[in-house]
Amino acid sequence: MKINLKIKLSLLLLLLVGCGPIYSTKYSYQAPNNPDGKKCIFQCENYRLQCEQAEDMREESCEFRAQQLCYDRKGNERQNCDRPSCYSNYSRCERMYRSCYQACGGVITPHKECVLGCN
């Protein structure tokens, strides 16, 4: 039993070391200097907030449907219920915001940041 555990731990350690660092893309924003550009970016921010609210509503709707699927009318959980995965996906909203920001004359500079397994 101890040998089996040592093998499993060794394999896990090998997998973790072999993966290397994980990076995430972060963005720096430089707004345009003119008033029209700033007004335009304000509209982009409103569009992003509306998009995020729509994502939240989509998640809540999914949770409600999952509740209906997995519980009967008496509130008892059904056996073997394949509950859907519900989450808000803000990445689409962020992509739209960056596109809008640049269309308004703003400058976006992407840069990579190490988030896991950094030296």
Protein backbone atom coordinates (compact mmCIF):
# COMPACT_ATOMS: atom_id res chain seq x y z
CA MET A 1 0.00 0.00 0.00
CA LYS A 2 2.81 2.42 0.88
CA ILE A 3 4.60 1.66 -2.39
CA ASN A 4 1.44 2.38 -4.36
CA LEU A 5 1.07 5.74 -2.58
CA LYS A 6 4.73 6.61 -3.27
CA ILE A 7 4.25 5.83 -6.96
CA LYS A 8 1.14 7.98 -7.13
CA LEU A 9 2.85 10.89 -5.38
CA SER A 10 5.89 10.57 -7.64
CA LEU A 11 3.70 10.62 -10.74
CA LEU A 12 1.77 13.64 -9.45
CA LEU A 13 5.01 15.50 -8.74
CA LEU A 14 6.33 14.63 -12.21
CA LEU A 15 3.14 15.93 -13.81
CA LEU A 16 3.24 19.18 -11.86
CA VAL A 17 6.91 19.83 -12.67
CA GLY A 18 6.46 18.87 -16.33
CA CYS A 19 3.64 21.32 -16.96
CA GLY A 20 5.77 24.45 -16.62
CA PRO A 21 4.48 27.92 -15.84
CA ILE A 22 0.99 29.07 -16.79
CA TYR A 23 0.52 32.56 -18.23
CA SER A 24 -2.46 34.89 -18.46
CA THR A 25 -2.87 37.83 -20.81
CA LYS A 26 -3.43 41.17 -19.07
CA TYR A 27 -4.15 44.48 -20.80
CA SER A 28 -3.03 48.07 -20.27
CA TYR A 29 -5.47 50.74 -21.46
CA GLN A 30 -4.61 54.24 -22.71
CA ALA A 31 -7.69 56.38 -23.32
CA PRO A 32 -7.83 58.90 -26.16
CA ASN A 33 -7.19 62.53 -25.20
CA ASN A 34 -10.15 64.07 -27.03
CA PRO A 35 -13.60 64.50 -25.40
CA ASP A 36 -15.41 62.54 -28.14
CA GLY A 37 -13.11 59.55 -27.60
CA LYS A 38 -13.69 59.62 -23.85
CA LYS A 39 -17.45 59.85 -24.39
CA CYS A 40 -17.24 56.91 -26.78
CA ILE A 41 -15.31 54.82 -24.20
CA PHE A 42 -17.97 55.63 -21.61
CA GLN A 43 -20.51 54.05 -23.98
CA CYS A 44 -18.23 51.02 -24.35
CA GLU A 45 -18.24 50.62 -20.57
CA ASN A 46 -22.04 50.75 -20.55
CA TYR A 47 -22.19 48.09 -23.27
CA ARG A 48 -19.82 45.89 -21.25
CA LEU A 49 -21.96 46.27 -18.10
CA GLN A 50 -25.10 45.37 -20.08
CA CYS A 51 -23.31 42.34 -21.51
CA GLU A 52 -22.22 41.22 -18.02
CA GLN A 53 -25.78 41.67 -16.70
CA ALA A 54 -27.07 39.56 -19.60
CA GLU A 55 -24.51 36.87 -18.72
CA ASP A 56 -25.64 36.94 -15.08
CA MET A 57 -29.27 36.58 -16.18
CA ARG A 58 -28.29 33.67 -18.44
CA GLU A 59 -26.59 31.97 -15.49
CA GLU A 60 -29.61 32.52 -13.23
CA SER A 61 -31.92 31.15 -15.92
CA CYS A 62 -29.70 28.10 -16.28
CA GLU A 63 -29.74 27.56 -12.49
CA PHE A 64 -33.54 27.84 -12.48
CA ARG A 65 -33.86 25.28 -15.31
CA ALA A 66 -31.43 22.97 -13.50
CA GLN A 67 -33.54 23.29 -10.36
CA GLN A 68 -36.64 22.30 -12.34
CA LEU A 69 -34.83 19.35 -13.92
CA CYS A 70 -33.37 17.96 -10.73
CA TYR A 71 -36.21 18.47 -8.24
CA ASP A 72 -39.78 17.27 -8.29
CA ARG A 73 -42.79 19.41 -7.32
CA LYS A 74 -42.40 18.46 -3.65
CA GLY A 75 -38.81 19.68 -3.57
CA ASN A 76 -37.24 16.25 -3.46
CA GLU A 77 -34.05 15.82 -5.45
CA ARG A 78 -34.35 13.34 -8.29
CA GLN A 79 -31.90 10.46 -8.49
CA ASN A 80 -29.32 10.40 -11.30
CA CYS A 81 -30.01 13.98 -12.35
CA ASP A 82 -27.50 15.25 -14.90
CA ARG A 83 -27.29 18.84 -13.65
CA PRO A 84 -26.01 21.31 -16.28
CA SER A 85 -22.98 23.46 -15.53
CA CYS A 86 -24.13 27.07 -15.12
CA TYR A 87 -21.70 29.99 -15.13
CA SER A 88 -21.35 33.54 -16.40
CA ASN A 89 -18.94 33.87 -19.32
CA TYR A 90 -17.60 37.42 -19.21
CA SER A 91 -14.79 36.79 -21.72
CA ARG A 92 -17.11 37.64 -24.64
CA CYS A 93 -18.00 40.91 -22.92
CA GLU A 94 -14.33 41.74 -22.40
CA ARG A 95 -13.48 41.02 -26.06
CA MET A 96 -16.33 43.29 -27.19
CA TYR A 97 -15.17 46.01 -24.78
CA ARG A 98 -11.59 45.89 -26.06
CA SER A 99 -12.80 46.10 -29.65
CA CYS A 100 -15.08 49.05 -28.83
CA TYR A 101 -12.30 50.77 -26.84
CA GLN A 102 -9.94 50.61 -29.80
CA ALA A 103 -12.65 51.78 -32.21
CA CYS A 104 -12.98 54.87 -30.00
CA GLY A 105 -9.30 55.66 -30.47
CA GLY A 106 -8.01 54.05 -27.28
CA VAL A 107 -4.82 52.02 -27.25
CA ILE A 108 -4.68 48.58 -25.64
CA THR A 109 -1.37 46.88 -24.94
CA PRO A 110 -1.49 43.16 -24.10
CA HIS A 111 1.18 41.61 -21.88
CA LYS A 112 1.68 38.12 -20.47
CA GLU A 113 1.78 37.52 -16.71
CA CYS A 114 2.81 34.30 -15.05
CA VAL A 115 0.00 33.13 -12.75
CA LEU A 116 1.10 29.60 -11.74
CA GLY A 117 4.38 27.75 -11.59
CA CYS A 118 6.43 30.95 -11.84
CA ASN A 119 10.13 30.96 -10.94
